[in-house]
N, C-alpha and C. Protein backbone atom coordinates (compact mmCIF):
# COMPACT_ATOMS: atom_id res chain seq x y z
N MET A 1 -46.40 16.53 -22.94
CA MET A 1 -45.19 16.05 -23.57
C MET A 1 -44.67 17.12 -24.53
N ILE A 2 -43.40 17.27 -24.62
CA ILE A 2 -42.80 18.24 -25.53
C ILE A 2 -42.90 17.70 -26.95
N ASP A 3 -43.40 18.52 -27.85
CA ASP A 3 -43.48 18.17 -29.26
C ASP A 3 -42.24 18.72 -29.95
N LEU A 4 -41.30 17.86 -30.30
CA LEU A 4 -40.04 18.30 -30.90
C LEU A 4 -40.19 18.69 -32.37
N ASN A 5 -41.38 18.53 -32.93
CA ASN A 5 -41.62 18.96 -34.31
C ASN A 5 -42.21 20.37 -34.37
N LYS A 6 -42.38 21.00 -33.22
CA LYS A 6 -42.99 22.32 -33.11
C LYS A 6 -41.89 23.36 -32.83
N THR A 7 -42.12 24.60 -33.26
CA THR A 7 -41.20 25.69 -32.96
C THR A 7 -41.79 26.49 -31.82
N TYR A 8 -40.99 26.73 -30.78
CA TYR A 8 -41.46 27.41 -29.58
C TYR A 8 -40.94 28.84 -29.53
N ALA A 9 -41.67 29.71 -28.84
CA ALA A 9 -41.27 31.10 -28.62
C ALA A 9 -41.92 31.55 -27.32
N ARG A 10 -41.41 32.62 -26.74
CA ARG A 10 -42.01 33.16 -25.52
C ARG A 10 -43.34 33.80 -25.89
N PRO A 11 -44.41 33.47 -25.17
CA PRO A 11 -45.75 33.97 -25.52
C PRO A 11 -45.98 35.41 -25.06
N VAL A 12 -45.38 36.37 -25.75
CA VAL A 12 -45.59 37.79 -25.44
C VAL A 12 -45.97 38.52 -26.71
N GLU A 13 -46.68 39.61 -26.53
CA GLU A 13 -47.02 40.45 -27.67
C GLU A 13 -45.78 41.24 -28.06
N ILE A 14 -45.42 41.19 -29.33
CA ILE A 14 -44.23 41.86 -29.81
C ILE A 14 -44.55 42.45 -31.19
N SER A 15 -43.97 43.58 -31.48
CA SER A 15 -44.27 44.23 -32.75
C SER A 15 -43.71 43.41 -33.92
N SER A 16 -44.33 43.55 -35.06
CA SER A 16 -43.86 42.80 -36.23
C SER A 16 -42.47 43.27 -36.65
N TYR A 17 -42.15 44.54 -36.39
CA TYR A 17 -40.80 45.05 -36.70
C TYR A 17 -39.75 44.33 -35.85
N LEU A 18 -39.98 44.23 -34.55
CA LEU A 18 -39.04 43.54 -33.67
C LEU A 18 -39.00 42.05 -33.97
N ARG A 19 -40.16 41.47 -34.30
CA ARG A 19 -40.21 40.04 -34.63
C ARG A 19 -39.35 39.72 -35.86
N SER A 20 -39.18 40.70 -36.75
CA SER A 20 -38.38 40.46 -37.95
C SER A 20 -36.91 40.23 -37.63
N PHE A 21 -36.47 40.64 -36.43
CA PHE A 21 -35.08 40.43 -36.02
C PHE A 21 -34.87 39.09 -35.32
N MET A 22 -35.94 38.37 -35.05
CA MET A 22 -35.83 37.10 -34.34
C MET A 22 -35.38 35.99 -35.29
N SER A 23 -34.63 35.04 -34.74
CA SER A 23 -34.16 33.89 -35.50
C SER A 23 -34.66 32.62 -34.83
N THR A 24 -34.64 31.53 -35.56
CA THR A 24 -35.02 30.24 -35.00
C THR A 24 -33.76 29.45 -34.69
N PHE A 25 -33.51 29.23 -33.40
CA PHE A 25 -32.32 28.52 -32.93
C PHE A 25 -32.64 27.06 -32.69
N GLN A 26 -31.67 26.20 -32.93
CA GLN A 26 -31.80 24.77 -32.65
C GLN A 26 -31.16 24.53 -31.29
N VAL A 27 -31.97 24.08 -30.33
CA VAL A 27 -31.50 23.89 -28.96
C VAL A 27 -31.39 22.39 -28.69
N GLY A 28 -30.22 21.95 -28.27
CA GLY A 28 -29.99 20.55 -27.93
C GLY A 28 -30.30 20.32 -26.46
N ILE A 29 -31.19 19.37 -26.17
CA ILE A 29 -31.60 19.08 -24.80
C ILE A 29 -31.42 17.59 -24.52
N ARG A 30 -31.24 17.28 -23.23
CA ARG A 30 -31.18 15.88 -22.83
C ARG A 30 -31.63 15.76 -21.39
N ASN A 31 -31.91 14.53 -20.95
CA ASN A 31 -32.29 14.28 -19.56
C ASN A 31 -31.14 14.67 -18.65
N ARG A 32 -31.46 15.16 -17.45
CA ARG A 32 -30.42 15.56 -16.50
C ARG A 32 -29.51 14.38 -16.17
N GLU A 33 -30.09 13.22 -15.96
CA GLU A 33 -29.31 12.00 -15.73
C GLU A 33 -29.55 11.09 -16.92
N ALA A 34 -28.70 11.20 -17.91
CA ALA A 34 -28.89 10.47 -19.17
C ALA A 34 -27.95 9.28 -19.26
N LYS A 35 -28.39 8.28 -19.99
CA LYS A 35 -27.56 7.10 -20.25
C LYS A 35 -26.72 7.30 -21.50
N SER A 36 -27.08 8.28 -22.29
CA SER A 36 -26.42 8.55 -23.56
C SER A 36 -26.08 10.03 -23.64
N SER A 37 -25.04 10.38 -24.37
CA SER A 37 -24.69 11.79 -24.54
C SER A 37 -25.40 12.41 -25.74
N ALA A 38 -26.21 11.63 -26.44
CA ALA A 38 -26.96 12.15 -27.59
C ALA A 38 -28.03 13.12 -27.12
N LEU A 39 -28.39 14.05 -28.00
CA LEU A 39 -29.32 15.11 -27.66
C LEU A 39 -30.58 15.04 -28.51
N HIS A 40 -31.69 15.52 -27.92
CA HIS A 40 -32.90 15.81 -28.68
C HIS A 40 -32.77 17.25 -29.15
N SER A 41 -33.36 17.58 -30.26
CA SER A 41 -33.32 18.96 -30.77
C SER A 41 -34.71 19.56 -30.74
N MET A 42 -34.78 20.81 -30.28
CA MET A 42 -36.03 21.56 -30.35
C MET A 42 -35.71 22.91 -30.96
N MET A 43 -36.68 23.48 -31.65
CA MET A 43 -36.49 24.76 -32.31
C MET A 43 -37.15 25.86 -31.48
N VAL A 44 -36.40 26.95 -31.26
CA VAL A 44 -36.88 28.06 -30.44
C VAL A 44 -36.64 29.36 -31.19
N THR A 45 -37.68 30.18 -31.31
CA THR A 45 -37.56 31.48 -31.94
C THR A 45 -37.27 32.52 -30.87
N ALA A 46 -36.17 33.28 -31.04
CA ALA A 46 -35.76 34.28 -30.05
C ALA A 46 -34.86 35.31 -30.71
N LEU A 47 -34.60 36.40 -29.97
CA LEU A 47 -33.72 37.45 -30.50
C LEU A 47 -32.26 37.02 -30.50
N ASP A 48 -31.83 36.27 -29.50
CA ASP A 48 -30.45 35.80 -29.44
C ASP A 48 -30.39 34.44 -28.75
N SER A 49 -29.21 33.84 -28.72
CA SER A 49 -29.07 32.48 -28.19
C SER A 49 -29.35 32.42 -26.69
N ASP A 50 -29.02 33.49 -25.95
CA ASP A 50 -29.29 33.49 -24.51
C ASP A 50 -30.79 33.41 -24.24
N ARG A 51 -31.56 34.15 -25.00
CA ARG A 51 -33.02 34.10 -24.81
C ARG A 51 -33.59 32.78 -25.29
N ALA A 52 -32.99 32.17 -26.29
CA ALA A 52 -33.42 30.85 -26.73
C ALA A 52 -33.21 29.82 -25.62
N VAL A 53 -32.10 29.93 -24.91
CA VAL A 53 -31.84 29.03 -23.78
C VAL A 53 -32.88 29.23 -22.69
N GLU A 54 -33.23 30.49 -22.39
CA GLU A 54 -34.23 30.77 -21.36
C GLU A 54 -35.59 30.15 -21.70
N VAL A 55 -36.01 30.32 -22.96
CA VAL A 55 -37.30 29.77 -23.39
C VAL A 55 -37.28 28.24 -23.30
N ALA A 56 -36.21 27.63 -23.79
CA ALA A 56 -36.11 26.17 -23.76
C ALA A 56 -36.07 25.66 -22.33
N GLN A 57 -35.31 26.31 -21.46
CA GLN A 57 -35.20 25.87 -20.07
C GLN A 57 -36.54 25.95 -19.36
N ASP A 58 -37.31 27.00 -19.63
CA ASP A 58 -38.65 27.11 -19.04
C ASP A 58 -39.55 25.96 -19.47
N LEU A 59 -39.42 25.53 -20.72
CA LEU A 59 -40.25 24.44 -21.24
C LEU A 59 -39.84 23.07 -20.72
N ILE A 60 -38.54 22.85 -20.53
CA ILE A 60 -38.06 21.51 -20.20
C ILE A 60 -37.85 21.27 -18.72
N ASN A 61 -37.93 22.30 -17.88
CA ASN A 61 -37.74 22.11 -16.43
C ASN A 61 -38.65 21.03 -15.85
N PRO A 62 -39.94 20.98 -16.19
CA PRO A 62 -40.80 19.95 -15.61
C PRO A 62 -40.41 18.52 -16.01
N TYR A 63 -39.63 18.39 -17.06
CA TYR A 63 -39.22 17.06 -17.55
C TYR A 63 -37.87 16.64 -17.00
N ASP A 64 -37.30 17.44 -16.08
CA ASP A 64 -35.98 17.17 -15.49
C ASP A 64 -34.92 17.02 -16.59
N MET A 65 -34.91 18.01 -17.49
CA MET A 65 -33.97 18.02 -18.60
C MET A 65 -33.12 19.28 -18.52
N ILE A 66 -32.01 19.29 -19.28
CA ILE A 66 -31.12 20.44 -19.32
C ILE A 66 -30.80 20.80 -20.76
N VAL A 67 -30.44 22.05 -20.97
CA VAL A 67 -29.99 22.52 -22.28
C VAL A 67 -28.50 22.25 -22.39
N LYS A 68 -28.07 21.60 -23.45
CA LYS A 68 -26.65 21.29 -23.64
C LYS A 68 -26.02 22.09 -24.76
N SER A 69 -26.80 22.55 -25.73
CA SER A 69 -26.20 23.29 -26.84
C SER A 69 -27.24 24.19 -27.49
N VAL A 70 -26.75 25.23 -28.15
CA VAL A 70 -27.59 26.12 -28.96
C VAL A 70 -26.87 26.32 -30.28
N THR A 71 -27.56 26.06 -31.38
CA THR A 71 -26.99 26.22 -32.70
C THR A 71 -27.77 27.31 -33.43
N ALA A 72 -27.03 28.32 -33.89
CA ALA A 72 -27.65 29.45 -34.57
C ALA A 72 -27.87 29.13 -36.05
N PRO A 73 -28.86 29.78 -36.66
CA PRO A 73 -29.05 29.59 -38.10
C PRO A 73 -27.78 30.02 -38.84
N GLY A 74 -27.42 29.27 -39.85
CA GLY A 74 -26.22 29.56 -40.63
C GLY A 74 -25.03 28.73 -40.20
N ASP A 75 -25.06 28.15 -39.01
CA ASP A 75 -23.99 27.26 -38.55
C ASP A 75 -24.08 25.97 -39.34
N GLU A 76 -22.95 25.33 -39.60
CA GLU A 76 -22.96 24.12 -40.43
C GLU A 76 -23.67 22.94 -39.75
N ALA A 77 -23.80 22.95 -38.43
CA ALA A 77 -24.49 21.87 -37.73
C ALA A 77 -25.99 22.13 -37.60
N TYR A 78 -26.45 23.31 -38.02
CA TYR A 78 -27.87 23.67 -37.89
C TYR A 78 -28.72 22.74 -38.75
N GLY A 79 -29.74 22.17 -38.14
CA GLY A 79 -30.66 21.31 -38.85
C GLY A 79 -30.32 19.83 -38.81
N LEU A 80 -29.15 19.49 -38.29
CA LEU A 80 -28.80 18.07 -38.19
C LEU A 80 -29.58 17.42 -37.06
N ALA A 81 -30.03 16.20 -37.28
CA ALA A 81 -30.79 15.46 -36.27
C ALA A 81 -29.83 14.92 -35.22
N LEU A 82 -29.93 15.44 -33.99
CA LEU A 82 -29.05 15.01 -32.92
C LEU A 82 -29.68 13.92 -32.06
N GLY A 83 -30.97 13.68 -32.17
CA GLY A 83 -31.68 12.79 -31.27
C GLY A 83 -31.78 11.36 -31.70
N ILE A 84 -30.91 10.89 -32.55
CA ILE A 84 -31.02 9.53 -33.08
C ILE A 84 -30.87 8.48 -31.98
N ASP A 85 -29.95 8.70 -31.04
CA ASP A 85 -29.66 7.73 -30.00
C ASP A 85 -29.99 8.26 -28.61
N ALA A 86 -30.75 9.33 -28.53
CA ALA A 86 -31.01 9.98 -27.24
C ALA A 86 -31.98 9.18 -26.38
N ASP A 87 -31.86 9.37 -25.06
CA ASP A 87 -32.77 8.75 -24.11
C ASP A 87 -34.18 9.31 -24.32
N PRO A 88 -35.21 8.53 -24.01
CA PRO A 88 -36.58 9.05 -24.15
C PRO A 88 -36.81 10.21 -23.17
N ILE A 89 -37.71 11.11 -23.54
CA ILE A 89 -38.05 12.23 -22.68
C ILE A 89 -38.91 11.73 -21.54
N ALA A 90 -38.58 12.14 -20.31
CA ALA A 90 -39.33 11.71 -19.12
C ALA A 90 -40.70 12.36 -19.10
N VAL A 91 -41.60 11.79 -18.34
CA VAL A 91 -42.94 12.33 -18.18
C VAL A 91 -42.87 13.53 -17.23
N ALA A 92 -43.55 14.61 -17.59
CA ALA A 92 -43.53 15.82 -16.75
C ALA A 92 -44.26 15.58 -15.44
N ASN A 93 -43.86 16.31 -14.43
CA ASN A 93 -44.50 16.17 -13.13
C ASN A 93 -44.57 17.54 -12.47
N TYR A 94 -45.78 18.11 -12.39
CA TYR A 94 -46.01 19.39 -11.70
C TYR A 94 -46.67 19.11 -10.37
N ASP A 95 -46.01 19.36 -9.27
CA ASP A 95 -46.59 19.22 -7.93
C ASP A 95 -47.31 17.88 -7.74
N GLY A 96 -46.74 16.82 -8.25
CA GLY A 96 -47.33 15.51 -8.06
C GLY A 96 -48.37 15.12 -9.07
N TYR A 97 -48.75 16.05 -9.96
CA TYR A 97 -49.75 15.74 -10.98
C TYR A 97 -49.02 15.45 -12.29
N THR A 98 -49.15 14.25 -12.78
CA THR A 98 -48.49 13.87 -14.02
C THR A 98 -49.26 14.44 -15.20
N LEU A 99 -48.54 15.03 -16.14
CA LEU A 99 -49.17 15.60 -17.33
C LEU A 99 -49.22 14.58 -18.44
């Protein structure tokens, strides 16, 4: 299950100098077929918003979810809870094995 209280990043070795340029983006996600337009928020550390989307999409693909928004640090909507009315996250399914 995705832990929305955790901050995610791509698991690669990166120098501390390059890591200093990374930001933590707020990524809005929801079920592919949702009953509500509300979003869950997850935090992703990346160099830019495009890479944040890639990291989030890799994590949520097994849950049949999609990325709907990316909010950069400093934006006025950054940090707002978007998941108040969102649909529950589906159970992941890898090749028929439920996680």
